[in-house]
Amino acid sequence: MSTTSNGTIGAIIGLAFGLAEYLVVTRIIGRAIAVEAAKGPDLSGIDQFERRMRPIKGALLAAAFVAMPTIGYFVGNTFGPQATP
């Protein structure tokens, strides 16, 4: 494999890890909101909580599509098997 293939494979694996992380964290946030909604009729705190979580979800999504594939690319290039001439 060439180093480009190693980097591409690393980036795809990084993307998969990033998306898995995003899905897990958004489910945890959604479950926390559902638990708070089930506690009682006062929903003002839930709206505020959802508003505060919006930037965190955006940061996680950016990390899933940018940071994790970039890290995967460099790790794949660095530690992947080197092509023999």
PDB file of N, CA and C in Angstrom:
ATOM      1  N   MET A   1       0.833  -1.177   0.000  1.00  0.00           N
ATOM      2  CA  MET A   1       0.000   0.000   0.000  1.00  0.00           C
ATOM      3  C   MET A   1       0.876   1.238   0.000  1.00  0.00           C
ATOM      4  N   SER A   2       0.440   2.240  -0.688  1.00  0.00           N
ATOM      5  CA  SER A   2       1.185   3.492  -0.660  1.00  0.00           C
ATOM      6  C   SER A   2       0.790   4.288   0.575  1.00  0.00           C
ATOM      7  N   THR A   3       1.579   5.312   0.868  1.00  0.00           N
ATOM      8  CA  THR A   3       1.270   6.113   2.055  1.00  0.00           C
ATOM      9  C   THR A   3      -0.046   6.856   1.891  1.00  0.00           C
ATOM     10  N   THR A   4      -0.431   7.168   0.656  1.00  0.00           N
ATOM     11  CA  THR A   4      -1.714   7.820   0.435  1.00  0.00           C
ATOM     12  C   THR A   4      -2.856   6.886   0.801  1.00  0.00           C
ATOM     13  N   SER A   5      -2.731   5.610   0.441  1.00  0.00           N
ATOM     14  CA  SER A   5      -3.766   4.642   0.809  1.00  0.00           C
ATOM     15  C   SER A   5      -3.836   4.484   2.314  1.00  0.00           C
ATOM     16  N   ASN A   6      -2.675   4.453   2.967  1.00  0.00           N
ATOM     17  CA  ASN A   6      -2.664   4.352   4.427  1.00  0.00           C
ATOM     18  C   ASN A   6      -3.360   5.547   5.058  1.00  0.00           C
ATOM     19  N   GLY A   7      -3.083   6.724   4.528  1.00  0.00           N
ATOM     20  CA  GLY A   7      -3.721   7.923   5.057  1.00  0.00           C
ATOM     21  C   GLY A   7      -5.221   7.935   4.827  1.00  0.00           C
ATOM     22  N   THR A   8      -5.630   7.478   3.642  1.00  0.00           N
ATOM     23  CA  THR A   8      -7.064   7.435   3.333  1.00  0.00           C
ATOM     24  C   THR A   8      -7.788   6.444   4.237  1.00  0.00           C
ATOM     25  N   ILE A   9      -7.201   5.295   4.433  1.00  0.00           N
ATOM     26  CA  ILE A   9      -7.809   4.299   5.317  1.00  0.00           C
ATOM     27  C   ILE A   9      -7.877   4.835   6.743  1.00  0.00           C
ATOM     28  N   GLY A  10      -6.807   5.494   7.195  1.00  0.00           N
ATOM     29  CA  GLY A  10      -6.811   6.102   8.527  1.00  0.00           C
ATOM     30  C   GLY A  10      -7.880   7.177   8.662  1.00  0.00           C
ATOM     31  N   ALA A  11      -8.065   7.975   7.609  1.00  0.00           N
ATOM     32  CA  ALA A  11      -9.084   9.026   7.646  1.00  0.00           C
ATOM     33  C   ALA A  11     -10.491   8.428   7.703  1.00  0.00           C
ATOM     34  N   ILE A  12     -10.715   7.353   6.981  1.00  0.00           N
ATOM     35  CA  ILE A  12     -12.034   6.700   7.000  1.00  0.00           C
ATOM     36  C   ILE A  12     -12.305   6.107   8.378  1.00  0.00           C
ATOM     37  N   ILE A  13     -11.291   5.484   8.965  1.00  0.00           N
ATOM     38  CA  ILE A  13     -11.459   4.937  10.316  1.00  0.00           C
ATOM     39  C   ILE A  13     -11.695   6.065  11.315  1.00  0.00           C
ATOM     40  N   GLY A  14     -10.977   7.176  11.167  1.00  0.00           N
ATOM     41  CA  GLY A  14     -11.192   8.331  12.036  1.00  0.00           C
ATOM     42  C   GLY A  14     -12.597   8.890  11.901  1.00  0.00           C
ATOM     43  N   LEU A  15     -13.097   8.938  10.675  1.00  0.00           N
ATOM     44  CA  LEU A  15     -14.468   9.402  10.447  1.00  0.00           C
ATOM     45  C   LEU A  15     -15.472   8.477  11.127  1.00  0.00           C
ATOM     46  N   ALA A  16     -15.244   7.176  11.022  1.00  0.00           N
ATOM     47  CA  ALA A  16     -16.145   6.218  11.662  1.00  0.00           C
ATOM     48  C   ALA A  16     -16.141   6.391  13.180  1.00  0.00           C
ATOM     49  N   PHE A  17     -14.957   6.557  13.760  1.00  0.00           N
ATOM     50  CA  PHE A  17     -14.883   6.781  15.210  1.00  0.00           C
ATOM     51  C   PHE A  17     -15.555   8.094  15.595  1.00  0.00           C
ATOM     52  N   GLY A  18     -15.346   9.128  14.809  1.00  0.00           N
ATOM     53  CA  GLY A  18     -15.963  10.421  15.102  1.00  0.00           C
ATOM     54  C   GLY A  18     -17.475  10.367  15.046  1.00  0.00           C
ATOM     55  N   LEU A  19     -18.015   9.690  14.037  1.00  0.00           N
ATOM     56  CA  LEU A  19     -19.472   9.575  13.933  1.00  0.00           C
ATOM     57  C   LEU A  19     -20.046   8.723  15.059  1.00  0.00           C
ATOM     58  N   ALA A  20     -19.329   7.659  15.427  1.00  0.00           N
ATOM     59  CA  ALA A  20     -19.790   6.825  16.544  1.00  0.00           C
ATOM     60  C   ALA A  20     -19.813   7.637  17.834  1.00  0.00           C
ATOM     61  N   GLU A  21     -18.778   8.431  18.048  1.00  0.00           N
ATOM     62  CA  GLU A  21     -18.730   9.283  19.236  1.00  0.00           C
ATOM     63  C   GLU A  21     -19.880  10.290  19.229  1.00  0.00           C
ATOM     64  N   TYR A  22     -20.138  10.886  18.074  1.00  0.00           N
ATOM     65  CA  TYR A  22     -21.226  11.857  17.958  1.00  0.00           C
ATOM     66  C   TYR A  22     -22.566  11.214  18.292  1.00  0.00           C
ATOM     67  N   LEU A  23     -22.804  10.030  17.744  1.00  0.00           N
ATOM     68  CA  LEU A  23     -24.073   9.359  18.003  1.00  0.00           C
ATOM     69  C   LEU A  23     -24.237   8.985  19.471  1.00  0.00           C
ATOM     70  N   VAL A  24     -23.187   8.504  20.096  1.00  0.00           N
ATOM     71  CA  VAL A  24     -23.270   8.124  21.510  1.00  0.00           C
ATOM     72  C   VAL A  24     -23.553   9.354  22.379  1.00  0.00           C
ATOM     73  N   VAL A  25     -22.820  10.429  22.152  1.00  0.00           N
ATOM     74  CA  VAL A  25     -22.988  11.615  22.991  1.00  0.00           C
ATOM     75  C   VAL A  25     -24.357  12.265  22.768  1.00  0.00           C
ATOM     76  N   THR A  26     -24.832  12.318  21.528  1.00  0.00           N
ATOM     77  CA  THR A  26     -26.156  12.909  21.303  1.00  0.00           C
ATOM     78  C   THR A  26     -27.255  12.048  21.917  1.00  0.00           C
ATOM     79  N   ARG A  27     -27.065  10.744  21.942  1.00  0.00           N
ATOM     80  CA  ARG A  27     -28.057   9.894  22.634  1.00  0.00           C
ATOM     81  C   ARG A  27     -28.042  10.142  24.130  1.00  0.00           C
ATOM     82  N   ILE A  28     -26.853  10.327  24.701  1.00  0.00           N
ATOM     83  CA  ILE A  28     -26.759  10.612  26.136  1.00  0.00           C
ATOM     84  C   ILE A  28     -27.454  11.945  26.441  1.00  0.00           C
ATOM     85  N   ILE A  29     -27.222  12.948  25.614  1.00  0.00           N
ATOM     86  CA  ILE A  29     -27.860  14.250  25.815  1.00  0.00           C
ATOM     87  C   ILE A  29     -29.379  14.119  25.665  1.00  0.00           C
ATOM     88  N   GLY A  30     -29.826  13.404  24.639  1.00  0.00           N
ATOM     89  CA  GLY A  30     -31.258  13.204  24.436  1.00  0.00           C
ATOM     90  C   GLY A  30     -31.914  12.465  25.588  1.00  0.00           C
ATOM     91  N   ARG A  31     -31.218  11.479  26.122  1.00  0.00           N
ATOM     92  CA  ARG A  31     -31.765  10.733  27.258  1.00  0.00           C
ATOM     93  C   ARG A  31     -31.859  11.623  28.495  1.00  0.00           C
ATOM     94  N   ALA A  32     -30.850  12.487  28.704  1.00  0.00           N
ATOM     95  CA  ALA A  32     -30.889  13.406  29.842  1.00  0.00           C
ATOM     96  C   ALA A  32     -32.062  14.371  29.712  1.00  0.00           C
ATOM     97  N   ILE A  33     -32.318  14.836  28.510  1.00  0.00           N
ATOM     98  CA  ILE A  33     -33.457  15.726  28.285  1.00  0.00           C
ATOM     99  C   ILE A  33     -34.767  14.995  28.543  1.00  0.00           C
ATOM    100  N   ALA A  34     -34.870  13.757  28.089  1.00  0.00           N
ATOM    101  CA  ALA A  34     -36.097  12.983  28.301  1.00  0.00           C
ATOM    102  C   ALA A  34     -36.338  12.715  29.784  1.00  0.00           C
ATOM    103  N   VAL A  35     -35.285  12.437  30.526  1.00  0.00           N
ATOM    104  CA  VAL A  35     -35.431  12.192  31.961  1.00  0.00           C
ATOM    105  C   VAL A  35     -35.897  13.462  32.659  1.00  0.00           C
ATOM    106  N   GLU A  36     -35.327  14.597  32.292  1.00  0.00           N
ATOM    107  CA  GLU A  36     -35.754  15.865  32.890  1.00  0.00           C
ATOM    108  C   GLU A  36     -37.195  16.198  32.519  1.00  0.00           C
ATOM    109  N   ALA A  37     -37.599  15.886  31.294  1.00  0.00           N
ATOM    110  CA  ALA A  37     -38.976  16.161  30.867  1.00  0.00           C
ATOM    111  C   ALA A  37     -39.967  15.295  31.627  1.00  0.00           C
ATOM    112  N   ALA A  38     -39.561  14.087  31.988  1.00  0.00           N
ATOM    113  CA  ALA A  38     -40.463  13.187  32.699  1.00  0.00           C
ATOM    114  C   ALA A  38     -40.604  13.545  34.177  1.00  0.00           C
ATOM    115  N   LYS A  39     -39.707  14.372  34.693  1.00  0.00           N
ATOM    116  CA  LYS A  39     -39.746  14.705  36.125  1.00  0.00           C
ATOM    117  C   LYS A  39     -40.916  15.596  36.505  1.00  0.00           C
ATOM    118  N   GLY A  40     -41.303  16.470  35.606  1.00  0.00           N
ATOM    119  CA  GLY A  40     -42.385  17.353  36.010  1.00  0.00           C
ATOM    120  C   GLY A  40     -42.800  18.302  34.912  1.00  0.00           C
ATOM    121  N   PRO A  41     -43.787  19.129  35.233  1.00  0.00           N
ATOM    122  CA  PRO A  41     -44.353  20.021  34.222  1.00  0.00           C
ATOM    123  C   PRO A  41     -43.487  21.252  33.934  1.00  0.00           C
ATOM    124  N   ASP A  42     -42.506  21.559  34.770  1.00  0.00           N
ATOM    125  CA  ASP A  42     -41.672  22.746  34.568  1.00  0.00           C
ATOM    126  C   ASP A  42     -40.646  22.465  33.478  1.00  0.00           C
ATOM    127  N   LEU A  43     -40.896  22.976  32.266  1.00  0.00           N
ATOM    128  CA  LEU A  43     -40.026  22.708  31.120  1.00  0.00           C
ATOM    129  C   LEU A  43     -39.088  23.860  30.784  1.00  0.00           C
ATOM    130  N   SER A  44     -39.056  24.892  31.605  1.00  0.00           N
ATOM    131  CA  SER A  44     -38.187  26.035  31.300  1.00  0.00           C
ATOM    132  C   SER A  44     -36.722  25.643  31.385  1.00  0.00           C
ATOM    133  N   GLY A  45     -36.369  24.772  32.298  1.00  0.00           N
ATOM    134  CA  GLY A  45     -34.988  24.328  32.428  1.00  0.00           C
ATOM    135  C   GLY A  45     -34.542  23.483  31.248  1.00  0.00           C
ATOM    136  N   ILE A  46     -35.463  22.737  30.668  1.00  0.00           N
ATOM    137  CA  ILE A  46     -35.131  21.877  29.527  1.00  0.00           C
ATOM    138  C   ILE A  46     -34.807  22.728  28.304  1.00  0.00           C
ATOM    139  N   ASP A  47     -35.576  23.778  28.081  1.00  0.00           N
ATOM    140  CA  ASP A  47     -35.287  24.669  26.952  1.00  0.00           C
ATOM    141  C   ASP A  47     -33.911  25.304  27.089  1.00  0.00           C
ATOM    142  N   GLN A  48     -33.595  25.712  28.303  1.00  0.00           N
ATOM    143  CA  GLN A  48     -32.286  26.317  28.551  1.00  0.00           C
ATOM    144  C   GLN A  48     -31.177  25.272  28.353  1.00  0.00           C
ATOM    145  N   PHE A  49     -31.396  24.063  28.800  1.00  0.00           N
ATOM    146  CA  PHE A  49     -30.421  22.985  28.645  1.00  0.00           C
ATOM    147  C   PHE A  49     -30.201  22.667  27.167  1.00  0.00           C
ATOM    148  N   GLU A  50     -31.292  22.580  26.406  1.00  0.00           N
ATOM    149  CA  GLU A  50     -31.166  22.316  24.962  1.00  0.00           C
ATOM    150  C   GLU A  50     -30.406  23.438  24.266  1.00  0.00           C
ATOM    151  N   ARG A  51     -30.638  24.670  24.662  1.00  0.00           N
ATOM    152  CA  ARG A  51     -29.932  25.804  24.079  1.00  0.00           C
ATOM    153  C   ARG A  51     -28.436  25.740  24.379  1.00  0.00           C
ATOM    154  N   ARG A  52     -28.078  25.333  25.587  1.00  0.00           N
ATOM    155  CA  ARG A  52     -26.664  25.224  25.941  1.00  0.00           C
ATOM    156  C   ARG A  52     -25.993  24.036  25.261  1.00  0.00           C
ATOM    157  N   MET A  53     -26.735  23.008  24.924  1.00  0.00           N
ATOM    158  CA  MET A  53     -26.159  21.821  24.290  1.00  0.00           C
ATOM    159  C   MET A  53     -25.966  21.992  22.781  1.00  0.00           C
ATOM    160  N   ARG A  54     -26.638  22.950  22.171  1.00  0.00           N
ATOM    161  CA  ARG A  54     -26.533  23.150  20.725  1.00  0.00           C
ATOM    162  C   ARG A  54     -25.094  23.408  20.265  1.00  0.00           C
ATOM    163  N   PRO A  55     -24.321  24.292  20.923  1.00  0.00           N
ATOM    164  CA  PRO A  55     -22.928  24.475  20.491  1.00  0.00           C
ATOM    165  C   PRO A  55     -22.066  23.230  20.729  1.00  0.00           C
ATOM    166  N   ILE A  56     -22.379  22.490  21.767  1.00  0.00           N
ATOM    167  CA  ILE A  56     -21.613  21.264  22.037  1.00  0.00           C
ATOM    168  C   ILE A  56     -21.870  20.240  20.943  1.00  0.00           C
ATOM    169  N   LYS A  57     -23.108  20.108  20.518  1.00  0.00           N
ATOM    170  CA  LYS A  57     -23.415  19.193  19.414  1.00  0.00           C
ATOM    171  C   LYS A  57     -22.706  19.634  18.134  1.00  0.00           C
ATOM    172  N   GLY A  58     -22.671  20.931  17.881  1.00  0.00           N
ATOM    173  CA  GLY A  58     -21.973  21.440  16.703  1.00  0.00           C
ATOM    174  C   GLY A  58     -20.481  21.160  16.756  1.00  0.00           C
ATOM    175  N   ALA A  59     -19.888  21.326  17.929  1.00  0.00           N
ATOM    176  CA  ALA A  59     -18.456  21.043  18.085  1.00  0.00           C
ATOM    177  C   ALA A  59     -18.178  19.557  17.894  1.00  0.00           C
ATOM    178  N   LEU A  60     -19.046  18.709  18.405  1.00  0.00           N
ATOM    179  CA  LEU A  60     -18.871  17.264  18.217  1.00  0.00           C
ATOM    180  C   LEU A  60     -19.000  16.879  16.748  1.00  0.00           C
ATOM    181  N   LEU A  61     -19.935  17.502  16.057  1.00  0.00           N
ATOM    182  CA  LEU A  61     -20.105  17.207  14.638  1.00  0.00           C
ATOM    183  C   LEU A  61     -18.886  17.676  13.832  1.00  0.00           C
ATOM    184  N   ALA A  62     -18.361  18.848  14.174  1.00  0.00           N
ATOM    185  CA  ALA A  62     -17.151  19.329  13.503  1.00  0.00           C
ATOM    186  C   ALA A  62     -15.979  18.403  13.787  1.00  0.00           C
ATOM    187  N   ALA A  63     -15.867  17.927  15.009  1.00  0.00           N
ATOM    188  CA  ALA A  63     -14.790  16.999  15.353  1.00  0.00           C
ATOM    189  C   ALA A  63     -14.946  15.694  14.588  1.00  0.00           C
ATOM    190  N   ALA A  64     -16.190  15.244  14.418  1.00  0.00           N
ATOM    191  CA  ALA A  64     -16.430  13.982  13.712  1.00  0.00           C
ATOM    192  C   ALA A  64     -16.052  14.079  12.239  1.00  0.00           C
ATOM    193  N   PHE A  65     -16.275  15.236  11.613  1.00  0.00           N
ATOM    194  CA  PHE A  65     -16.018  15.368  10.181  1.00  0.00           C
ATOM    195  C   PHE A  65     -14.675  16.005   9.837  1.00  0.00           C
ATOM    196  N   VAL A  66     -14.013  16.646  10.814  1.00  0.00           N
ATOM    197  CA  VAL A  66     -12.751  17.326  10.512  1.00  0.00           C
ATOM    198  C   VAL A  66     -11.595  16.761  11.344  1.00  0.00           C
ATOM    199  N   ALA A  67     -11.711  16.850  12.648  1.00  0.00           N
ATOM    200  CA  ALA A  67     -10.585  16.502  13.518  1.00  0.00           C
ATOM    201  C   ALA A  67     -10.255  15.013  13.485  1.00  0.00           C
ATOM    202  N   MET A  68     -11.244  14.171  13.656  1.00  0.00           N
ATOM    203  CA  MET A  68     -10.974  12.731  13.712  1.00  0.00           C
ATOM    204  C   MET A  68     -10.428  12.190  12.389  1.00  0.00           C
ATOM    205  N   PRO A  69     -10.977  12.549  11.221  1.00  0.00           N
ATOM    206  CA  PRO A  69     -10.362  12.079   9.977  1.00  0.00           C
ATOM    207  C   PRO A  69      -8.947  12.620   9.764  1.00  0.00           C
ATOM    208  N   THR A  70      -8.699  13.851  10.188  1.00  0.00           N
ATOM    209  CA  THR A  70      -7.352  14.412  10.049  1.00  0.00           C
ATOM    210  C   THR A  70      -6.360  13.647  10.907  1.00  0.00           C
ATOM    211  N   ILE A  71      -6.738  13.380  12.141  1.00  0.00           N
ATOM    212  CA  ILE A  71      -5.876  12.596  13.022  1.00  0.00           C
ATOM    213  C   ILE A  71      -5.678  11.192  12.447  1.00  0.00           C
ATOM    214  N   GLY A  72      -6.761  10.596  11.955  1.00  0.00           N
ATOM    215  CA  GLY A  72      -6.659   9.266  11.348  1.00  0.00           C
ATOM    216  C   GLY A  72      -5.746   9.250  10.140  1.00  0.00           C
ATOM    217  N   TYR A  73      -5.783  10.303   9.332  1.00  0.00           N
ATOM    218  CA  TYR A  73      -4.911  10.387   8.164  1.00  0.00           C
ATOM    219  C   TYR A  73      -3.445  10.390   8.572  1.00  0.00           C
ATOM    220  N   PHE A  74      -3.107  11.236   9.552  1.00  0.00           N
ATOM    221  CA  PHE A  74      -1.713  11.315   9.977  1.00  0.00           C
ATOM    222  C   PHE A  74      -1.253  10.047  10.683  1.00  0.00           C
ATOM    223  N   VAL A  75      -2.121   9.440  11.469  1.00  0.00           N
ATOM    224  CA  VAL A  75      -1.757   8.175  12.120  1.00  0.00           C
ATOM    225  C   VAL A  75      -1.588   7.079  11.077  1.00  0.00           C
ATOM    226  N   GLY A  76      -2.461   7.034  10.083  1.00  0.00           N
ATOM    227  CA  GLY A  76      -2.343   6.042   9.022  1.00  0.00           C
ATOM    228  C   GLY A  76      -1.064   6.200   8.223  1.00  0.00           C
ATOM    229  N   ASN A  77      -0.708   7.437   7.918  1.00  0.00           N
ATOM    230  CA  ASN A  77       0.539   7.688   7.191  1.00  0.00           C
ATOM    231  C   ASN A  77       1.763   7.355   8.020  1.00  0.00           C
ATOM    232  N   THR A  78       1.688   7.609   9.318  1.00  0.00           N
ATOM    233  CA  THR A  78       2.835   7.407  10.176  1.00  0.00           C
ATOM    234  C   THR A  78       3.049   5.939  10.536  1.00  0.00           C
ATOM    235  N   PHE A  79       1.982   5.240  10.910  1.00  0.00           N
ATOM    236  CA  PHE A  79       2.127   3.890  11.421  1.00  0.00           C
ATOM    237  C   PHE A  79       1.701   2.797  10.448  1.00  0.00           C
ATOM    238  N   GLY A  80       1.145   3.170   9.315  1.00  0.00           N
ATOM    239  CA  GLY A  80       0.727   2.173   8.328  1.00  0.00           C
ATOM    240  C   GLY A  80       1.922   1.494   7.687  1.00  0.00           C
ATOM    241  N   PRO A  81       1.708   0.342   7.080  1.00  0.00           N
ATOM    242  CA  PRO A  81       2.818  -0.353   6.417  1.00  0.00           C
ATOM    243  C   PRO A  81       3.323   0.490   5.248  1.00  0.00           C
ATOM    244  N   GLN A  82       4.613   0.575   5.132  1.00  0.00           N
ATOM    245  CA  GLN A  82       5.225   1.373   4.082  1.00  0.00           C
ATOM    246  C   GLN A  82       5.316   0.569   2.782  1.00  0.00           C
ATOM    247  N   ALA A  83       5.130   1.222   1.672  1.00  0.00           N
ATOM    248  CA  ALA A  83       5.199   0.554   0.370  1.00  0.00           C
ATOM    249  C   ALA A  83       6.650   0.222   0.036  1.00  0.00           C
ATOM    250  N   THR A  84       6.862  -0.933  -0.543  1.00  0.00           N
ATOM    251  CA  THR A  84       8.210  -1.305  -0.957  1.00  0.00           C
ATOM    252  C   THR A  84       8.376  -1.013  -2.440  1.00  0.00           C
ATOM    253  N   PRO A  85       9.516  -0.465  -2.830  1.00  0.00           N
ATOM    254  CA  PRO A  85       9.695  -0.097  -4.243  1.00  0.00           C
ATOM    255  C   PRO A  85       9.825  -1.283  -5.148  1.00  0.00           C
TER     256      PRO A  85
END
